[in-house]
Amino acid sequence: MTTYIMLMNWTEQGAKNVRDSPKRLDAARKQLGEMGGSFKAFYLTMGEFDMVAVVEAPDDAVLARFALMLAANGNLKSRTLKAFPEFAYREIISSLG
């Protein structure tokens, strides 16, 4: 599984319906699970982003489809970062020679 960091902000629509946000999170968690992925962590944050999620998916295409499905609902905008775990980081750095 590949790990991704999702940085999210509510749209105007999402902010107006913020009380429904926990239900939307539950639906997103279920949807990603049906796609073979999972949420590893979720945070409400202060600062530039409203929410941060650490998720896993089988591949980039699955996560791209998931992010597009979330965006299509109109409640949030996201930025997705592909994350490499420490062991992969060490392998990448050591391969530099």
N, C-alpha and C. Protein backbone atom coordinates (compact mmCIF):
# COMPACT_ATOMS: atom_id res chain seq x y z
N MET A 1 0.84 -1.19 0.00
CA MET A 1 0.00 0.00 0.00
C MET A 1 0.88 1.24 0.00
N THR A 2 0.41 2.24 -0.69
CA THR A 2 1.11 3.51 -0.74
C THR A 2 0.44 4.48 0.23
N THR A 3 1.25 5.29 0.90
CA THR A 3 0.74 6.27 1.86
C THR A 3 0.66 7.64 1.20
N TYR A 4 -0.40 8.36 1.52
CA TYR A 4 -0.63 9.70 1.01
C TYR A 4 -1.04 10.62 2.16
N ILE A 5 -0.65 11.87 2.06
CA ILE A 5 -1.09 12.90 2.98
C ILE A 5 -2.07 13.78 2.21
N MET A 6 -3.27 13.93 2.72
CA MET A 6 -4.26 14.78 2.07
C MET A 6 -4.46 16.03 2.92
N LEU A 7 -4.22 17.18 2.31
CA LEU A 7 -4.42 18.48 2.95
C LEU A 7 -5.71 19.05 2.40
N MET A 8 -6.67 19.36 3.28
CA MET A 8 -8.00 19.71 2.80
C MET A 8 -8.51 21.02 3.40
N ASN A 9 -9.28 21.72 2.59
CA ASN A 9 -10.00 22.92 3.03
C ASN A 9 -11.45 22.80 2.62
N TRP A 10 -12.32 23.26 3.50
CA TRP A 10 -13.73 23.30 3.15
C TRP A 10 -13.96 24.35 2.08
N THR A 11 -14.85 24.07 1.16
CA THR A 11 -15.32 25.08 0.22
C THR A 11 -16.37 25.90 0.97
N GLU A 12 -16.91 26.91 0.32
CA GLU A 12 -17.98 27.70 0.95
C GLU A 12 -19.16 26.78 1.28
N GLN A 13 -19.49 25.88 0.36
CA GLN A 13 -20.58 24.92 0.59
C GLN A 13 -20.27 24.03 1.79
N GLY A 14 -19.05 23.51 1.85
CA GLY A 14 -18.66 22.64 2.95
C GLY A 14 -18.70 23.35 4.29
N ALA A 15 -18.30 24.62 4.31
CA ALA A 15 -18.32 25.40 5.56
C ALA A 15 -19.75 25.67 6.00
N LYS A 16 -20.64 25.94 5.05
CA LYS A 16 -22.04 26.18 5.39
C LYS A 16 -22.67 24.94 6.02
N ASN A 17 -22.23 23.77 5.57
CA ASN A 17 -22.77 22.51 6.06
C ASN A 17 -21.78 21.78 6.97
N VAL A 18 -21.00 22.53 7.73
CA VAL A 18 -19.93 21.94 8.53
C VAL A 18 -20.46 20.93 9.55
N ARG A 19 -21.68 21.10 10.01
CA ARG A 19 -22.24 20.17 10.99
C ARG A 19 -22.41 18.76 10.41
N ASP A 20 -22.48 18.69 9.08
CA ASP A 20 -22.59 17.39 8.42
C ASP A 20 -21.22 16.77 8.12
N SER A 21 -20.15 17.49 8.43
CA SER A 21 -18.81 17.03 8.09
C SER A 21 -18.46 15.66 8.67
N PRO A 22 -18.80 15.36 9.94
CA PRO A 22 -18.49 14.01 10.45
C PRO A 22 -19.17 12.91 9.64
N LYS A 23 -20.39 13.14 9.18
CA LYS A 23 -21.07 12.14 8.35
C LYS A 23 -20.36 11.99 7.01
N ARG A 24 -19.89 13.11 6.46
CA ARG A 24 -19.16 13.05 5.19
C ARG A 24 -17.85 12.30 5.37
N LEU A 25 -17.18 12.51 6.51
CA LEU A 25 -15.94 11.77 6.79
C LEU A 25 -16.22 10.28 6.86
N ASP A 26 -17.28 9.90 7.56
CA ASP A 26 -17.63 8.47 7.65
C ASP A 26 -17.90 7.88 6.27
N ALA A 27 -18.59 8.65 5.42
CA ALA A 27 -18.89 8.17 4.06
C ALA A 27 -17.60 8.06 3.24
N ALA A 28 -16.70 9.02 3.41
CA ALA A 28 -15.42 8.97 2.68
C ALA A 28 -14.59 7.79 3.15
N ARG A 29 -14.57 7.54 4.44
CA ARG A 29 -13.83 6.40 4.99
C ARG A 29 -14.35 5.09 4.39
N LYS A 30 -15.68 4.97 4.31
CA LYS A 30 -16.30 3.77 3.74
C LYS A 30 -15.97 3.65 2.25
N GLN A 31 -16.05 4.77 1.55
CA GLN A 31 -15.79 4.78 0.12
C GLN A 31 -14.35 4.36 -0.19
N LEU A 32 -13.39 4.92 0.55
CA LEU A 32 -12.00 4.55 0.33
C LEU A 32 -11.78 3.08 0.66
N GLY A 33 -12.43 2.60 1.70
CA GLY A 33 -12.33 1.18 2.06
C GLY A 33 -12.82 0.28 0.94
N GLU A 34 -13.91 0.67 0.30
CA GLU A 34 -14.45 -0.11 -0.82
C GLU A 34 -13.53 -0.09 -2.02
N MET A 35 -12.65 0.91 -2.08
CA MET A 35 -11.69 1.02 -3.17
C MET A 35 -10.37 0.32 -2.83
N GLY A 36 -10.31 -0.30 -1.65
CA GLY A 36 -9.12 -1.04 -1.25
C GLY A 36 -8.15 -0.25 -0.39
N GLY A 37 -8.54 0.96 0.00
CA GLY A 37 -7.67 1.81 0.82
C GLY A 37 -8.19 1.96 2.23
N SER A 38 -7.54 2.85 2.99
CA SER A 38 -7.99 3.11 4.36
C SER A 38 -7.44 4.43 4.87
N PHE A 39 -8.15 4.98 5.85
CA PHE A 39 -7.68 6.15 6.58
C PHE A 39 -6.82 5.64 7.72
N LYS A 40 -5.61 6.17 7.86
CA LYS A 40 -4.73 5.82 8.97
C LYS A 40 -4.83 6.84 10.08
N ALA A 41 -5.11 8.10 9.73
CA ALA A 41 -5.27 9.17 10.72
C ALA A 41 -6.05 10.31 10.07
N PHE A 42 -6.76 11.05 10.90
CA PHE A 42 -7.51 12.23 10.44
C PHE A 42 -7.40 13.29 11.52
N TYR A 43 -7.15 14.53 11.10
CA TYR A 43 -7.00 15.64 12.04
C TYR A 43 -7.77 16.86 11.56
N LEU A 44 -8.45 17.52 12.47
CA LEU A 44 -8.95 18.87 12.27
C LEU A 44 -7.76 19.76 12.61
N THR A 45 -7.44 20.71 11.75
CA THR A 45 -6.23 21.50 11.97
C THR A 45 -6.53 22.99 11.96
N MET A 46 -5.62 23.74 12.53
CA MET A 46 -5.69 25.19 12.52
C MET A 46 -4.54 25.69 11.65
N GLY A 47 -4.78 26.72 10.89
CA GLY A 47 -3.74 27.24 10.02
C GLY A 47 -4.20 27.23 8.58
N GLU A 48 -3.28 26.95 7.68
CA GLU A 48 -3.56 27.03 6.26
C GLU A 48 -4.60 26.00 5.80
N PHE A 49 -4.64 24.85 6.46
CA PHE A 49 -5.57 23.79 6.06
C PHE A 49 -6.55 23.49 7.19
N ASP A 50 -7.78 23.12 6.81
CA ASP A 50 -8.82 22.81 7.78
C ASP A 50 -8.71 21.39 8.32
N MET A 51 -8.24 20.47 7.47
CA MET A 51 -8.15 19.07 7.85
C MET A 51 -6.93 18.44 7.18
N VAL A 52 -6.39 17.42 7.83
CA VAL A 52 -5.29 16.63 7.27
C VAL A 52 -5.63 15.16 7.50
N ALA A 53 -5.46 14.36 6.46
CA ALA A 53 -5.68 12.92 6.59
C ALA A 53 -4.45 12.18 6.08
N VAL A 54 -4.13 11.10 6.75
CA VAL A 54 -3.11 10.17 6.30
C VAL A 54 -3.88 8.94 5.82
N VAL A 55 -3.73 8.64 4.55
CA VAL A 55 -4.50 7.54 3.97
C VAL A 55 -3.57 6.59 3.22
N GLU A 56 -4.05 5.39 3.01
CA GLU A 56 -3.33 4.41 2.20
C GLU A 56 -4.25 3.96 1.07
N ALA A 57 -3.63 3.71 -0.09
CA ALA A 57 -4.38 3.21 -1.24
C ALA A 57 -3.47 2.25 -2.01
N PRO A 58 -4.07 1.34 -2.77
CA PRO A 58 -3.27 0.37 -3.52
C PRO A 58 -2.33 1.02 -4.54
N ASP A 59 -2.75 2.15 -5.13
CA ASP A 59 -1.89 2.82 -6.12
C ASP A 59 -2.37 4.25 -6.33
N ASP A 60 -1.60 4.98 -7.13
CA ASP A 60 -1.90 6.39 -7.39
C ASP A 60 -3.26 6.58 -8.06
N ALA A 61 -3.61 5.69 -8.96
CA ALA A 61 -4.88 5.83 -9.69
C ALA A 61 -6.07 5.73 -8.74
N VAL A 62 -6.01 4.83 -7.78
CA VAL A 62 -7.10 4.69 -6.81
C VAL A 62 -7.22 5.97 -5.99
N LEU A 63 -6.10 6.50 -5.53
CA LEU A 63 -6.16 7.70 -4.72
C LEU A 63 -6.62 8.90 -5.54
N ALA A 64 -6.19 8.98 -6.79
CA ALA A 64 -6.65 10.07 -7.66
C ALA A 64 -8.15 10.00 -7.86
N ARG A 65 -8.67 8.81 -8.10
CA ARG A 65 -10.12 8.63 -8.25
C ARG A 65 -10.86 9.03 -6.98
N PHE A 66 -10.31 8.63 -5.82
CA PHE A 66 -10.93 8.98 -4.54
C PHE A 66 -10.95 10.50 -4.35
N ALA A 67 -9.84 11.16 -4.61
CA ALA A 67 -9.76 12.62 -4.44
C ALA A 67 -10.74 13.33 -5.37
N LEU A 68 -10.87 12.83 -6.60
CA LEU A 68 -11.81 13.43 -7.54
C LEU A 68 -13.25 13.23 -7.10
N MET A 69 -13.54 12.07 -6.53
CA MET A 69 -14.89 11.81 -6.03
C MET A 69 -15.22 12.76 -4.87
N LEU A 70 -14.24 13.00 -4.00
CA LEU A 70 -14.47 13.94 -2.90
C LEU A 70 -14.72 15.35 -3.45
N ALA A 71 -13.90 15.77 -4.40
CA ALA A 71 -14.04 17.10 -4.97
C ALA A 71 -15.38 17.27 -5.67
N ALA A 72 -15.85 16.23 -6.32
CA ALA A 72 -17.12 16.30 -7.05
C ALA A 72 -18.30 16.58 -6.14
N ASN A 73 -18.17 16.24 -4.86
CA ASN A 73 -19.25 16.51 -3.91
C ASN A 73 -19.36 17.99 -3.58
N GLY A 74 -18.30 18.75 -3.85
CA GLY A 74 -18.36 20.20 -3.69
C GLY A 74 -18.12 20.73 -2.29
N ASN A 75 -17.76 19.87 -1.35
CA ASN A 75 -17.60 20.32 0.04
C ASN A 75 -16.17 20.62 0.43
N LEU A 76 -15.21 20.17 -0.36
CA LEU A 76 -13.81 20.43 -0.01
C LEU A 76 -12.93 20.45 -1.23
N LYS A 77 -11.78 21.09 -1.03
CA LYS A 77 -10.69 21.07 -2.01
C LYS A 77 -9.53 20.41 -1.30
N SER A 78 -8.76 19.62 -2.05
CA SER A 78 -7.65 18.92 -1.40
C SER A 78 -6.37 19.03 -2.21
N ARG A 79 -5.28 18.83 -1.52
CA ARG A 79 -3.97 18.67 -2.11
C ARG A 79 -3.46 17.35 -1.59
N THR A 80 -2.90 16.56 -2.47
CA THR A 80 -2.46 15.23 -2.07
C THR A 80 -0.96 15.10 -2.26
N LEU A 81 -0.30 14.58 -1.24
CA LEU A 81 1.13 14.35 -1.27
C LEU A 81 1.38 12.86 -1.16
N LYS A 82 2.22 12.33 -2.03
CA LYS A 82 2.63 10.93 -1.91
C LYS A 82 3.72 10.88 -0.85
N ALA A 83 3.59 9.99 0.11
CA ALA A 83 4.52 9.94 1.23
C ALA A 83 5.35 8.66 1.19
N PHE A 84 6.62 8.80 1.45
CA PHE A 84 7.53 7.66 1.50
C PHE A 84 7.87 7.40 2.96
N PRO A 85 7.69 6.17 3.44
CA PRO A 85 8.04 5.86 4.83
C PRO A 85 9.56 5.95 5.04
N GLU A 86 9.97 5.97 6.29
CA GLU A 86 11.38 6.18 6.61
C GLU A 86 12.29 5.18 5.92
N PHE A 87 11.92 3.89 5.89
CA PHE A 87 12.80 2.90 5.26
C PHE A 87 13.00 3.22 3.78
N ALA A 88 11.95 3.67 3.09
CA ALA A 88 12.07 4.03 1.68
C ALA A 88 12.93 5.28 1.52
N TYR A 89 12.74 6.23 2.40
CA TYR A 89 13.56 7.44 2.40
C TYR A 89 15.03 7.07 2.51
N ARG A 90 15.35 6.17 3.45
CA ARG A 90 16.75 5.77 3.64
C ARG A 90 17.30 5.05 2.40
N GLU A 91 16.48 4.21 1.77
CA GLU A 91 16.91 3.52 0.55
C GLU A 91 17.16 4.50 -0.58
N ILE A 92 16.27 5.47 -0.72
CA ILE A 92 16.42 6.47 -1.79
C ILE A 92 17.68 7.28 -1.59
N ILE A 93 17.92 7.73 -0.36
CA ILE A 93 19.11 8.53 -0.07
C ILE A 93 20.38 7.70 -0.26
N SER A 94 20.36 6.46 0.20
CA SER A 94 21.58 5.62 0.07
C SER A 94 21.86 5.28 -1.39
N SER A 95 20.85 5.29 -2.24
CA SER A 95 21.06 4.98 -3.65
C SER A 95 21.75 6.12 -4.40
N LEU A 96 21.89 7.27 -3.76
CA LEU A 96 22.54 8.40 -4.40
C LEU A 96 24.05 8.20 -4.56
N GLY A 97 24.59 7.24 -3.81
CA GLY A 97 26.01 6.91 -3.93
C GLY A 97 26.93 7.69 -3.05
